[in-house]
């Protein structure tokens, strides 16, 4: 595995900021707030494709290129890294929602333990912890790519072409398979970019301003004229543009305040991903005891929930997990 790269960490930092922004509202939209939903609709058109691209890029530097001889060791390592926190956090969120709902408002509480387990692992569109789908999907894509590629990068173009055909299929939401098919092209494009370095870097350095302009134009269109549920239609072109635009832009940022902020959040991105919805939910539940979040009140909620989602997990890692070496290593 290569050493950490600042451009990739900064890209993760930018992406995790978008993830937390998208989680400020779970199921119940605040009444009288007309600016948040268009922005979230635009964010959802590209931010997770960009994350999967970065995951595929990093995977190409390591285990994905190793071939089937390393399948079982890699699968165990991936399961420890991704499935262990997925199952552990999913069960924790399920139990936490059932308990916390007795004391204050909680979004998307399952009707029972059995209904929650069914949503968490099978009928996953109804998952009480839907926000953690990325870990399960990344595990499936990682080990499937490792097996199918078998250490031969020339196979990647065929896998990518096949995934671009399959991503349009109406796959049922069983065990997150709908998301596996929808996001496979972005993971594979990331892996292809990693195998094609430095040509990919040269392309980004030339094309990122034009790609960024096209991405912004597309996002403005989604925000102004898009409708809920249409993200899948625009996700492939906008997600693909985001790879050139955003990663290329990260490569141009010089050391300074912005560089340091993105690097900071990027290096805590996994911990923020794991804990942001829990921290947002707790902060929201506490605030709802004193003030509604409708109308102008949401202008107070938004920065508080954003700060809770970003800094709550970091504080937990520093002041809690630091005393538990196994959890601290798992969330690095």
C-alpha atoms as a PDB file:
ATOM      1  CA  UNK A   1       0.000   0.000   0.000  1.00  0.00           C
ATOM      2  CA  UNK A   2       1.257   3.457  -0.890  1.00  0.00           C
ATOM      3  CA  UNK A   3       1.673   6.212   1.629  1.00  0.00           C
ATOM      4  CA  UNK A   4      -1.305   8.521   2.142  1.00  0.00           C
ATOM      5  CA  UNK A   5      -1.703  11.121  -0.569  1.00  0.00           C
ATOM      6  CA  UNK A   6      -2.786  14.642   0.288  1.00  0.00           C
ATOM      7  CA  UNK A   7      -4.938  15.057  -2.834  1.00  0.00           C
ATOM      8  CA  UNK A   8      -6.935  11.903  -2.023  1.00  0.00           C
ATOM      9  CA  UNK A   9      -7.307  12.829   1.645  1.00  0.00           C
ATOM     10  CA  UNK A  10      -8.487  16.324   0.712  1.00  0.00           C
ATOM     11  CA  UNK A  11     -10.975  14.843  -1.757  1.00  0.00           C
ATOM     12  CA  UNK A  12     -12.286  12.574   1.018  1.00  0.00           C
ATOM     13  CA  UNK A  13     -12.537  15.612   3.284  1.00  0.00           C
ATOM     14  CA  UNK A  14     -14.639  17.490   0.749  1.00  0.00           C
ATOM     15  CA  UNK A  15     -16.809  14.428   0.120  1.00  0.00           C
ATOM     16  CA  UNK A  16     -17.464  13.792   3.817  1.00  0.00           C
ATOM     17  CA  UNK A  17     -18.575  17.411   4.263  1.00  0.00           C
ATOM     18  CA  UNK A  18     -21.177  16.767   1.566  1.00  0.00           C
ATOM     19  CA  UNK A  19     -22.218  13.497   3.226  1.00  0.00           C
ATOM     20  CA  UNK A  20     -22.880  15.228   6.547  1.00  0.00           C
ATOM     21  CA  UNK A  21     -24.736  18.065   4.810  1.00  0.00           C
ATOM     22  CA  UNK A  22     -26.960  15.497   3.102  1.00  0.00           C
ATOM     23  CA  UNK A  23     -27.770  13.848   6.439  1.00  0.00           C
ATOM     24  CA  UNK A  24     -29.036  16.989   8.183  1.00  0.00           C
ATOM     25  CA  UNK A  25     -32.581  16.006   7.237  1.00  0.00           C
ATOM     26  CA  UNK A  26     -33.515  12.333   7.482  1.00  0.00           C
ATOM     27  CA  UNK A  27     -37.169  11.678   6.671  1.00  0.00           C
ATOM     28  CA  UNK A  28     -39.242  14.621   7.940  1.00  0.00           C
ATOM     29  CA  UNK A  29     -38.495  17.786   5.958  1.00  0.00           C
ATOM     30  CA  UNK A  30     -38.772  21.061   7.874  1.00  0.00           C
ATOM     31  CA  UNK A  31     -41.870  22.995   6.848  1.00  0.00           C
ATOM     32  CA  UNK A  32     -41.360  26.323   5.154  1.00  0.00           C
ATOM     33  CA  UNK A  33     -37.724  25.626   4.239  1.00  0.00           C
ATOM     34  CA  UNK A  34     -37.325  25.809   0.478  1.00  0.00           C
ATOM     35  CA  UNK A  35     -33.553  26.061   0.022  1.00  0.00           C
ATOM     36  CA  UNK A  36     -32.278  22.854   1.628  1.00  0.00           C
ATOM     37  CA  UNK A  37     -33.990  20.192  -0.479  1.00  0.00           C
ATOM     38  CA  UNK A  38     -32.792  21.549  -3.872  1.00  0.00           C
ATOM     39  CA  UNK A  39     -29.231  21.692  -2.542  1.00  0.00           C
ATOM     40  CA  UNK A  40     -29.449  18.184  -1.132  1.00  0.00           C
ATOM     41  CA  UNK A  41     -30.902  16.924  -4.414  1.00  0.00           C
ATOM     42  CA  UNK A  42     -27.878  18.365  -6.219  1.00  0.00           C
ATOM     43  CA  UNK A  43     -25.438  16.890  -3.675  1.00  0.00           C
ATOM     44  CA  UNK A  44     -26.994  13.440  -3.973  1.00  0.00           C
ATOM     45  CA  UNK A  45     -26.523  13.550  -7.743  1.00  0.00           C
ATOM     46  CA  UNK A  46     -22.757  13.137  -7.409  1.00  0.00           C
ATOM     47  CA  UNK A  47     -21.306  12.897  -3.896  1.00  0.00           C
ATOM     48  CA  UNK A  48     -21.509   9.125  -3.341  1.00  0.00           C
ATOM     49  CA  UNK A  49     -20.347   8.333  -6.897  1.00  0.00           C
ATOM     50  CA  UNK A  50     -17.335  10.512  -6.095  1.00  0.00           C
ATOM     51  CA  UNK A  51     -16.750   8.611  -2.854  1.00  0.00           C
ATOM     52  CA  UNK A  52     -16.926   5.260  -4.687  1.00  0.00           C
ATOM     53  CA  UNK A  53     -14.483   6.576  -7.285  1.00  0.00           C
ATOM     54  CA  UNK A  54     -12.018   7.445  -4.512  1.00  0.00           C
ATOM     55  CA  UNK A  55     -12.521   3.988  -2.963  1.00  0.00           C
ATOM     56  CA  UNK A  56     -11.802   2.284  -6.282  1.00  0.00           C
ATOM     57  CA  UNK A  57      -8.755   4.482  -6.825  1.00  0.00           C
ATOM     58  CA  UNK A  58      -7.282   3.541  -3.456  1.00  0.00           C
ATOM     59  CA  UNK A  59      -8.172  -0.134  -3.980  1.00  0.00           C
ATOM     60  CA  UNK A  60      -6.208  -0.162  -7.256  1.00  0.00           C
ATOM     61  CA  UNK A  61      -3.056   0.728  -5.335  1.00  0.00           C
ATOM     62  CA  UNK A  62      -3.318  -2.381  -3.170  1.00  0.00           C
ATOM     63  CA  UNK A  63      -5.346  -5.553  -2.827  1.00  0.00           C
ATOM     64  CA  UNK A  64      -7.478  -5.319  -6.008  1.00  0.00           C
ATOM     65  CA  UNK A  65      -4.346  -5.761  -8.128  1.00  0.00           C
ATOM     66  CA  UNK A  66      -3.170  -8.834  -6.214  1.00  0.00           C
ATOM     67  CA  UNK A  67      -5.226 -11.552  -7.921  1.00  0.00           C
ATOM     68  CA  UNK A  68      -7.240 -14.509  -6.649  1.00  0.00           C
ATOM     69  CA  UNK A  69      -4.295 -16.022  -4.807  1.00  0.00           C
ATOM     70  CA  UNK A  70      -4.837 -13.314  -2.195  1.00  0.00           C
ATOM     71  CA  UNK A  71      -8.637 -13.527  -2.235  1.00  0.00           C
ATOM     72  CA  UNK A  72      -9.269 -15.045   1.193  1.00  0.00           C
ATOM     73  CA  UNK A  73      -6.731 -12.953   3.120  1.00  0.00           C
ATOM     74  CA  UNK A  74      -8.041  -9.833   1.371  1.00  0.00           C
ATOM     75  CA  UNK A  75     -11.673 -10.816   1.959  1.00  0.00           C
ATOM     76  CA  UNK A  76     -10.991 -11.322   5.674  1.00  0.00           C
ATOM     77  CA  UNK A  77      -9.218  -7.981   5.894  1.00  0.00           C
ATOM     78  CA  UNK A  78     -12.037  -6.235   4.031  1.00  0.00           C
ATOM     79  CA  UNK A  79     -14.648  -7.920   6.241  1.00  0.00           C
ATOM     80  CA  UNK A  80     -12.822  -6.752   9.354  1.00  0.00           C
ATOM     81  CA  UNK A  81     -12.525  -3.229   7.989  1.00  0.00           C
ATOM     82  CA  UNK A  82     -16.038  -2.876   6.541  1.00  0.00           C
ATOM     83  CA  UNK A  83     -18.463  -5.581   7.642  1.00  0.00           C
ATOM     84  CA  UNK A  84     -17.535  -5.548  11.311  1.00  0.00           C
ATOM     85  CA  UNK A  85     -18.404  -1.857  11.735  1.00  0.00           C
ATOM     86  CA  UNK A  86     -21.372  -2.234   9.380  1.00  0.00           C
ATOM     87  CA  UNK A  87     -23.041  -4.952  11.439  1.00  0.00           C
ATOM     88  CA  UNK A  88     -21.952  -3.508  14.762  1.00  0.00           C
ATOM     89  CA  UNK A  89     -23.101   0.021  13.982  1.00  0.00           C
ATOM     90  CA  UNK A  90     -26.293  -1.168  12.320  1.00  0.00           C
ATOM     91  CA  UNK A  91     -27.350  -3.127  15.388  1.00  0.00           C
ATOM     92  CA  UNK A  92     -26.331  -0.240  17.647  1.00  0.00           C
ATOM     93  CA  UNK A  93     -28.441   2.227  15.633  1.00  0.00           C
ATOM     94  CA  UNK A  94     -31.412  -0.148  15.665  1.00  0.00           C
ATOM     95  CA  UNK A  95     -31.255  -0.628  19.429  1.00  0.00           C
ATOM     96  CA  UNK A  96     -30.547   3.051  20.011  1.00  0.00           C
ATOM     97  CA  UNK A  97     -33.553   4.190  17.987  1.00  0.00           C
ATOM     98  CA  UNK A  98     -35.909   1.827  19.786  1.00  0.00           C
ATOM     99  CA  UNK A  99     -34.699   3.060  23.183  1.00  0.00           C
ATOM    100  CA  UNK A 100     -34.248   6.757  22.381  1.00  0.00           C
ATOM    101  CA  UNK A 101     -37.709   7.037  20.780  1.00  0.00           C
ATOM    102  CA  UNK A 102     -39.189   6.611  24.263  1.00  0.00           C
ATOM    103  CA  UNK A 103     -37.620   9.892  25.364  1.00  0.00           C
ATOM    104  CA  UNK A 104     -37.545  12.201  22.329  1.00  0.00           C
ATOM    105  CA  UNK A 105     -38.293  12.353  18.623  1.00  0.00           C
ATOM    106  CA  UNK A 106     -36.252   9.940  16.479  1.00  0.00           C
ATOM    107  CA  UNK A 107     -36.363   9.649  12.681  1.00  0.00           C
ATOM    108  CA  UNK A 108     -37.451   6.385  11.062  1.00  0.00           C
ATOM    109  CA  UNK A 109     -38.011   4.184  14.107  1.00  0.00           C
ATOM    110  CA  UNK A 110     -38.813   0.554  13.127  1.00  0.00           C
ATOM    111  CA  UNK A 111     -42.077  -0.903  14.370  1.00  0.00           C
ATOM    112  CA  UNK A 112     -40.270  -3.724  16.176  1.00  0.00           C
ATOM    113  CA  UNK A 113     -36.899  -5.410  16.565  1.00  0.00           C
ATOM    114  CA  UNK A 114     -37.766  -7.994  13.913  1.00  0.00           C
ATOM    115  CA  UNK A 115     -38.896  -5.297  11.469  1.00  0.00           C
ATOM    116  CA  UNK A 116     -35.673  -3.401  12.128  1.00  0.00           C
ATOM    117  CA  UNK A 117     -33.515  -6.469  11.516  1.00  0.00           C
ATOM    118  CA  UNK A 118     -35.425  -7.234   8.316  1.00  0.00           C
ATOM    119  CA  UNK A 119     -34.814  -3.676   7.093  1.00  0.00           C
ATOM    120  CA  UNK A 120     -31.196  -3.652   8.151  1.00  0.00           C
ATOM    121  CA  UNK A 121     -30.205  -6.855   6.336  1.00  0.00           C
ATOM    122  CA  UNK A 122     -32.850  -7.799   3.733  1.00  0.00           C
ATOM    123  CA  UNK A 123     -35.505  -5.227   2.719  1.00  0.00           C
ATOM    124  CA  UNK A 124     -32.787  -2.621   2.923  1.00  0.00           C
ATOM    125  CA  UNK A 125     -34.651   0.371   1.515  1.00  0.00           C
ATOM    126  CA  UNK A 126     -36.460   0.325   4.888  1.00  0.00           C
ATOM    127  CA  UNK A 127     -33.226   0.028   6.889  1.00  0.00           C
ATOM    128  CA  UNK A 128     -33.201   1.966  10.170  1.00  0.00           C
ATOM    129  CA  UNK A 129     -29.502   2.633   9.454  1.00  0.00           C
ATOM    130  CA  UNK A 130     -29.644   3.230   5.697  1.00  0.00           C
ATOM    131  CA  UNK A 131     -26.865   5.826   5.842  1.00  0.00           C
ATOM    132  CA  UNK A 132     -24.232   3.110   6.418  1.00  0.00           C
ATOM    133  CA  UNK A 133     -24.989   1.254   3.154  1.00  0.00           C
ATOM    134  CA  UNK A 134     -21.643   2.375   1.697  1.00  0.00           C
ATOM    135  CA  UNK A 135     -19.646  -0.071   3.838  1.00  0.00           C
ATOM    136  CA  UNK A 136     -21.604  -3.129   2.734  1.00  0.00           C
ATOM    137  CA  UNK A 137     -21.631  -2.046  -0.918  1.00  0.00           C
ATOM    138  CA  UNK A 138     -17.904  -1.305  -0.859  1.00  0.00           C
ATOM    139  CA  UNK A 139     -17.191  -4.745   0.603  1.00  0.00           C
ATOM    140  CA  UNK A 140     -19.186  -6.474  -2.151  1.00  0.00           C
ATOM    141  CA  UNK A 141     -17.603  -4.398  -4.922  1.00  0.00           C
ATOM    142  CA  UNK A 142     -14.098  -4.874  -3.527  1.00  0.00           C
ATOM    143  CA  UNK A 143     -14.160  -8.650  -3.297  1.00  0.00           C
ATOM    144  CA  UNK A 144     -16.113  -9.070  -6.557  1.00  0.00           C
ATOM    145  CA  UNK A 145     -13.574  -6.922  -8.421  1.00  0.00           C
ATOM    146  CA  UNK A 146     -10.675  -8.772  -6.829  1.00  0.00           C
ATOM    147  CA  UNK A 147     -12.103 -12.129  -7.941  1.00  0.00           C
ATOM    148  CA  UNK A 148     -13.170 -11.123 -11.450  1.00  0.00           C
ATOM    149  CA  UNK A 149     -10.056  -9.091 -12.222  1.00  0.00           C
ATOM    150  CA  UNK A 150      -7.683 -11.786 -10.950  1.00  0.00           C
ATOM    151  CA  UNK A 151      -4.680  -9.482 -11.134  1.00  0.00           C
ATOM    152  CA  UNK A 152      -5.188  -8.707 -14.842  1.00  0.00           C
ATOM    153  CA  UNK A 153      -5.886  -4.974 -15.364  1.00  0.00           C
ATOM    154  CA  UNK A 154      -6.783  -5.573 -19.022  1.00  0.00           C
ATOM    155  CA  UNK A 155     -10.023  -7.196 -17.817  1.00  0.00           C
ATOM    156  CA  UNK A 156     -11.111  -3.954 -16.189  1.00  0.00           C
ATOM    157  CA  UNK A 157     -12.442  -2.381 -19.387  1.00  0.00           C
ATOM    158  CA  UNK A 158     -14.777  -5.353 -19.877  1.00  0.00           C
ATOM    159  CA  UNK A 159     -15.935  -5.255 -16.267  1.00  0.00           C
ATOM    160  CA  UNK A 160     -16.582  -1.537 -16.520  1.00  0.00           C
ATOM    161  CA  UNK A 161     -18.531  -1.883 -19.776  1.00  0.00           C
ATOM    162  CA  UNK A 162     -20.616  -4.683 -18.255  1.00  0.00           C
ATOM    163  CA  UNK A 163     -21.306  -2.638 -15.116  1.00  0.00           C
ATOM    164  CA  UNK A 164     -22.460   0.328 -17.224  1.00  0.00           C
ATOM    165  CA  UNK A 165     -25.078  -1.926 -18.808  1.00  0.00           C
ATOM    166  CA  UNK A 166     -26.181  -3.474 -15.526  1.00  0.00           C
ATOM    167  CA  UNK A 167     -26.491  -0.197 -13.624  1.00  0.00           C
ATOM    168  CA  UNK A 168     -29.668   0.636 -15.536  1.00  0.00           C
ATOM    169  CA  UNK A 169     -31.435  -2.555 -14.478  1.00  0.00           C
ATOM    170  CA  UNK A 170     -34.347  -2.171 -12.019  1.00  0.00           C
ATOM    171  CA  UNK A 171     -32.717  -4.249  -9.272  1.00  0.00           C
ATOM    172  CA  UNK A 172     -34.874  -4.829  -6.158  1.00  0.00           C
ATOM    173  CA  UNK A 173     -33.602  -3.369  -2.876  1.00  0.00           C
ATOM    174  CA  UNK A 174     -32.677  -6.705  -1.300  1.00  0.00           C
ATOM    175  CA  UNK A 175     -29.439  -6.733   0.726  1.00  0.00           C
ATOM    176  CA  UNK A 176     -28.387  -3.418  -0.866  1.00  0.00           C
ATOM    177  CA  UNK A 177     -28.026  -5.037  -4.280  1.00  0.00           C
ATOM    178  CA  UNK A 178     -29.740  -2.088  -5.956  1.00  0.00           C
ATOM    179  CA  UNK A 179     -26.925   0.107  -4.701  1.00  0.00           C
ATOM    180  CA  UNK A 180     -24.230  -2.414  -5.620  1.00  0.00           C
ATOM    181  CA  UNK A 181     -25.370  -2.316  -9.245  1.00  0.00           C
ATOM    182  CA  UNK A 182     -25.921   1.466  -9.275  1.00  0.00           C
ATOM    183  CA  UNK A 183     -22.480   2.343  -7.878  1.00  0.00           C
ATOM    184  CA  UNK A 184     -20.304  -0.379  -9.418  1.00  0.00           C
ATOM    185  CA  UNK A 185     -19.303   1.779 -12.433  1.00  0.00           C
ATOM    186  CA  UNK A 186     -17.862   4.487 -10.189  1.00  0.00           C
ATOM    187  CA  UNK A 187     -15.782   2.048  -8.146  1.00  0.00           C
ATOM    188  CA  UNK A 188     -14.476   0.469 -11.350  1.00  0.00           C
ATOM    189  CA  UNK A 189     -13.738   3.864 -12.917  1.00  0.00           C
ATOM    190  CA  UNK A 190     -11.720   4.683  -9.818  1.00  0.00           C
ATOM    191  CA  UNK A 191      -9.788   1.435 -10.161  1.00  0.00           C
ATOM    192  CA  UNK A 192      -9.182   2.162 -13.852  1.00  0.00           C
ATOM    193  CA  UNK A 193      -7.898   5.630 -12.967  1.00  0.00           C
ATOM    194  CA  UNK A 194      -5.477   4.101 -10.465  1.00  0.00           C
ATOM    195  CA  UNK A 195      -4.160   1.578 -12.979  1.00  0.00           C
ATOM    196  CA  UNK A 196      -3.771   4.351 -15.584  1.00  0.00           C
ATOM    197  CA  UNK A 197      -1.655   6.712 -13.503  1.00  0.00           C
ATOM    198  CA  UNK A 198       0.114   9.008 -14.405  1.00  0.00           C
ATOM    199  CA  UNK A 199      -1.978   9.470 -17.567  1.00  0.00           C
ATOM    200  CA  UNK A 200      -5.084   9.977 -15.436  1.00  0.00           C
ATOM    201  CA  UNK A 201      -3.319  12.679 -13.411  1.00  0.00           C
ATOM    202  CA  UNK A 202      -2.278  14.455 -16.584  1.00  0.00           C
ATOM    203  CA  UNK A 203      -5.854  14.349 -17.881  1.00  0.00           C
ATOM    204  CA  UNK A 204      -7.191  15.774 -14.612  1.00  0.00           C
ATOM    205  CA  UNK A 205      -4.648  18.584 -14.602  1.00  0.00           C
ATOM    206  CA  UNK A 206      -5.715  19.627 -18.107  1.00  0.00           C
ATOM    207  CA  UNK A 207      -9.458  19.061 -17.974  1.00  0.00           C
ATOM    208  CA  UNK A 208     -10.560  19.837 -14.409  1.00  0.00           C
ATOM    209  CA  UNK A 209     -11.625  23.490 -15.005  1.00  0.00           C
ATOM    210  CA  UNK A 210     -13.872  22.502 -17.916  1.00  0.00           C
ATOM    211  CA  UNK A 211     -15.211  19.497 -16.041  1.00  0.00           C
ATOM    212  CA  UNK A 212     -15.917  21.676 -12.992  1.00  0.00           C
ATOM    213  CA  UNK A 213     -17.819  24.207 -15.106  1.00  0.00           C
ATOM    214  CA  UNK A 214     -19.907  21.425 -16.658  1.00  0.00           C
ATOM    215  CA  UNK A 215     -20.512  19.841 -13.245  1.00  0.00           C
ATOM    216  CA  UNK A 216     -21.682  23.131 -11.728  1.00  0.00           C
ATOM    217  CA  UNK A 217     -24.008  23.753 -14.673  1.00  0.00           C
ATOM    218  CA  UNK A 218     -25.502  20.286 -14.253  1.00  0.00           C
ATOM    219  CA  UNK A 219     -25.929  20.715 -10.502  1.00  0.00           C
ATOM    220  CA  UNK A 220     -27.644  24.063 -10.947  1.00  0.00           C
ATOM    221  CA  UNK A 221     -30.043  22.377 -13.332  1.00  0.00           C
ATOM    222  CA  UNK A 222     -30.727  19.585 -10.844  1.00  0.00           C
ATOM    223  CA  UNK A 223     -31.285  22.064  -8.011  1.00  0.00           C
ATOM    224  CA  UNK A 224     -33.620  24.311 -10.010  1.00  0.00           C
ATOM    225  CA  UNK A 225     -35.563  21.848 -12.129  1.00  0.00           C
ATOM    226  CA  UNK A 226     -34.869  18.381 -10.801  1.00  0.00           C
ATOM    227  CA  UNK A 227     -37.379  16.360  -8.826  1.00  0.00           C
ATOM    228  CA  UNK A 228     -37.020  13.883  -5.984  1.00  0.00           C
ATOM    229  CA  UNK A 229     -36.208  10.393  -7.262  1.00  0.00           C
ATOM    230  CA  UNK A 230     -34.506  11.576 -10.459  1.00  0.00           C
ATOM    231  CA  UNK A 231     -30.957  11.415  -9.094  1.00  0.00           C
ATOM    232  CA  UNK A 232     -30.313   8.042 -10.716  1.00  0.00           C
ATOM    233  CA  UNK A 233     -30.917   9.574 -14.150  1.00  0.00           C
ATOM    234  CA  UNK A 234     -28.234  12.226 -13.728  1.00  0.00           C
ATOM    235  CA  UNK A 235     -25.915  10.349 -11.381  1.00  0.00           C
ATOM    236  CA  UNK A 236     -23.823   8.673 -14.093  1.00  0.00           C
ATOM    237  CA  UNK A 237     -22.879  11.814 -16.071  1.00  0.00           C
ATOM    238  CA  UNK A 238     -22.521  14.091 -13.040  1.00  0.00           C
ATOM    239  CA  UNK A 239     -20.725  11.457 -10.975  1.00  0.00           C
ATOM    240  CA  UNK A 240     -18.271  10.901 -13.820  1.00  0.00           C
ATOM    241  CA  UNK A 241     -17.684  14.643 -14.205  1.00  0.00           C
ATOM    242  CA  UNK A 242     -17.035  14.948 -10.469  1.00  0.00           C
ATOM    243  CA  UNK A 243     -14.028  12.646 -10.734  1.00  0.00           C
ATOM    244  CA  UNK A 244     -12.197  14.965 -13.107  1.00  0.00           C
ATOM    245  CA  UNK A 245     -13.561  18.182 -11.629  1.00  0.00           C
ATOM    246  CA  UNK A 246     -13.221  17.626  -7.891  1.00  0.00           C
ATOM    247  CA  UNK A 247     -10.151  15.419  -7.742  1.00  0.00           C
ATOM    248  CA  UNK A 248      -8.460  17.669 -10.270  1.00  0.00           C
ATOM    249  CA  UNK A 249      -9.340  20.729  -8.179  1.00  0.00           C
ATOM    250  CA  UNK A 250      -7.928  19.082  -5.055  1.00  0.00           C
ATOM    251  CA  UNK A 251      -4.613  18.605  -6.842  1.00  0.00           C
ATOM    252  CA  UNK A 252      -4.426  22.368  -7.436  1.00  0.00           C
ATOM    253  CA  UNK A 253      -4.996  23.491  -3.833  1.00  0.00           C
ATOM    254  CA  UNK A 254      -1.796  24.852  -2.342  1.00  0.00           C
ATOM    255  CA  UNK A 255      -0.823  24.414   1.325  1.00  0.00           C
ATOM    256  CA  UNK A 256      -2.799  26.849   3.436  1.00  0.00           C
ATOM    257  CA  UNK A 257      -5.991  27.079   5.473  1.00  0.00           C
ATOM    258  CA  UNK A 258      -8.306  25.356   2.976  1.00  0.00           C
ATOM    259  CA  UNK A 259      -5.692  22.668   2.360  1.00  0.00           C
ATOM    260  CA  UNK A 260      -5.427  22.030   6.108  1.00  0.00           C
ATOM    261  CA  UNK A 261      -9.199  21.966   6.704  1.00  0.00           C
ATOM    262  CA  UNK A 262      -9.887  19.455   3.928  1.00  0.00           C
ATOM    263  CA  UNK A 263      -6.923  17.337   4.976  1.00  0.00           C
ATOM    264  CA  UNK A 264      -8.154  17.294   8.584  1.00  0.00           C
ATOM    265  CA  UNK A 265     -11.653  16.122   7.692  1.00  0.00           C
ATOM    266  CA  UNK A 266     -10.312  13.706   5.083  1.00  0.00           C
ATOM    267  CA  UNK A 267      -8.144  11.894   7.604  1.00  0.00           C
ATOM    268  CA  UNK A 268     -11.149  11.524   9.917  1.00  0.00           C
ATOM    269  CA  UNK A 269     -13.572  10.726   7.083  1.00  0.00           C
ATOM    270  CA  UNK A 270     -14.199   7.098   8.060  1.00  0.00           C
ATOM    271  CA  UNK A 271     -14.945   7.960  11.675  1.00  0.00           C
ATOM    272  CA  UNK A 272     -17.192  10.840  10.594  1.00  0.00           C
ATOM    273  CA  UNK A 273     -19.014   8.518   8.217  1.00  0.00           C
ATOM    274  CA  UNK A 274     -19.597   5.994  10.984  1.00  0.00           C
ATOM    275  CA  UNK A 275     -20.813   8.433  13.600  1.00  0.00           C
ATOM    276  CA  UNK A 276     -22.322  11.462  11.904  1.00  0.00           C
ATOM    277  CA  UNK A 277     -25.955  10.324  11.768  1.00  0.00           C
ATOM    278  CA  UNK A 278     -25.919   9.246  15.414  1.00  0.00           C
ATOM    279  CA  UNK A 279     -24.506  12.594  16.533  1.00  0.00           C
ATOM    280  CA  UNK A 280     -26.906  14.511  14.273  1.00  0.00           C
ATOM    281  CA  UNK A 281     -29.843  12.486  15.596  1.00  0.00           C
ATOM    282  CA  UNK A 282     -28.899  13.079  19.228  1.00  0.00           C
ATOM    283  CA  UNK A 283     -28.408  16.812  18.684  1.00  0.00           C
ATOM    284  CA  UNK A 284     -31.693  17.078  16.798  1.00  0.00           C
ATOM    285  CA  UNK A 285     -33.587  15.123  19.448  1.00  0.00           C
ATOM    286  CA  UNK A 286     -32.275  17.363  22.203  1.00  0.00           C
ATOM    287  CA  UNK A 287     -33.055  20.575  20.315  1.00  0.00           C
ATOM    288  CA  UNK A 288     -36.575  19.460  19.420  1.00  0.00           C
ATOM    289  CA  UNK A 289     -37.391  19.373  23.119  1.00  0.00           C
ATOM    290  CA  UNK A 290     -37.094  23.165  23.166  1.00  0.00           C
ATOM    291  CA  UNK A 291     -37.714  24.476  19.648  1.00  0.00           C
ATOM    292  CA  UNK A 292     -39.341  23.247  16.429  1.00  0.00           C
ATOM    293  CA  UNK A 293     -37.138  23.044  13.393  1.00  0.00           C
ATOM    294  CA  UNK A 294     -39.601  24.481  10.908  1.00  0.00           C
ATOM    295  CA  UNK A 295     -39.242  27.766   9.070  1.00  0.00           C
ATOM    296  CA  UNK A 296     -36.566  30.160  10.264  1.00  0.00           C
ATOM    297  CA  UNK A 297     -35.644  27.826  13.135  1.00  0.00           C
ATOM    298  CA  UNK A 298     -33.899  25.571  10.623  1.00  0.00           C
ATOM    299  CA  UNK A 299     -31.265  28.286  10.158  1.00  0.00           C
ATOM    300  CA  UNK A 300     -30.250  27.523  13.750  1.00  0.00           C
ATOM    301  CA  UNK A 301     -30.524  23.761  13.362  1.00  0.00           C
ATOM    302  CA  UNK A 302     -28.431  23.484  10.191  1.00  0.00           C
ATOM    303  CA  UNK A 303     -25.078  24.743  11.577  1.00  0.00           C
ATOM    304  CA  UNK A 304     -25.576  22.992  14.929  1.00  0.00           C
ATOM    305  CA  UNK A 305     -26.352  19.648  13.288  1.00  0.00           C
ATOM    306  CA  UNK A 306     -23.516  20.077  10.792  1.00  0.00           C
ATOM    307  CA  UNK A 307     -21.065  20.717  13.633  1.00  0.00           C
ATOM    308  CA  UNK A 308     -22.444  17.751  15.592  1.00  0.00           C
ATOM    309  CA  UNK A 309     -22.078  15.444  12.587  1.00  0.00           C
ATOM    310  CA  UNK A 310     -18.502  16.518  11.916  1.00  0.00           C
ATOM    311  CA  UNK A 311     -16.973  17.066  15.334  1.00  0.00           C
ATOM    312  CA  UNK A 312     -19.022  14.642  17.434  1.00  0.00           C
ATOM    313  CA  UNK A 313     -17.409  11.541  15.849  1.00  0.00           C
ATOM    314  CA  UNK A 314     -13.952  13.133  16.019  1.00  0.00           C
ATOM    315  CA  UNK A 315     -14.425  13.869  19.721  1.00  0.00           C
ATOM    316  CA  UNK A 316     -15.622  10.300  20.300  1.00  0.00           C
ATOM    317  CA  UNK A 317     -12.512   8.933  18.609  1.00  0.00           C
ATOM    318  CA  UNK A 318     -10.153  11.193  20.559  1.00  0.00           C
ATOM    319  CA  UNK A 319     -11.724  10.912  23.988  1.00  0.00           C
ATOM    320  CA  UNK A 320     -13.354   7.500  23.809  1.00  0.00           C
ATOM    321  CA  UNK A 321     -11.793   5.203  21.224  1.00  0.00           C
ATOM    322  CA  UNK A 322      -8.270   6.380  22.075  1.00  0.00           C
ATOM    323  CA  UNK A 323      -8.604   4.281  25.234  1.00  0.00           C
ATOM    324  CA  UNK A 324      -9.808   1.253  23.232  1.00  0.00           C
ATOM    325  CA  UNK A 325      -6.997   0.270  20.838  1.00  0.00           C
ATOM    326  CA  UNK A 326      -9.095  -2.205  18.803  1.00  0.00           C
ATOM    327  CA  UNK A 327     -11.828   0.337  18.066  1.00  0.00           C
ATOM    328  CA  UNK A 328      -9.270   3.075  17.512  1.00  0.00           C
ATOM    329  CA  UNK A 329      -7.457   1.027  14.849  1.00  0.00           C
ATOM    330  CA  UNK A 330     -10.745  -0.048  13.236  1.00  0.00           C
ATOM    331  CA  UNK A 331     -11.867   3.569  12.757  1.00  0.00           C
ATOM    332  CA  UNK A 332      -8.600   4.984  11.373  1.00  0.00           C
END
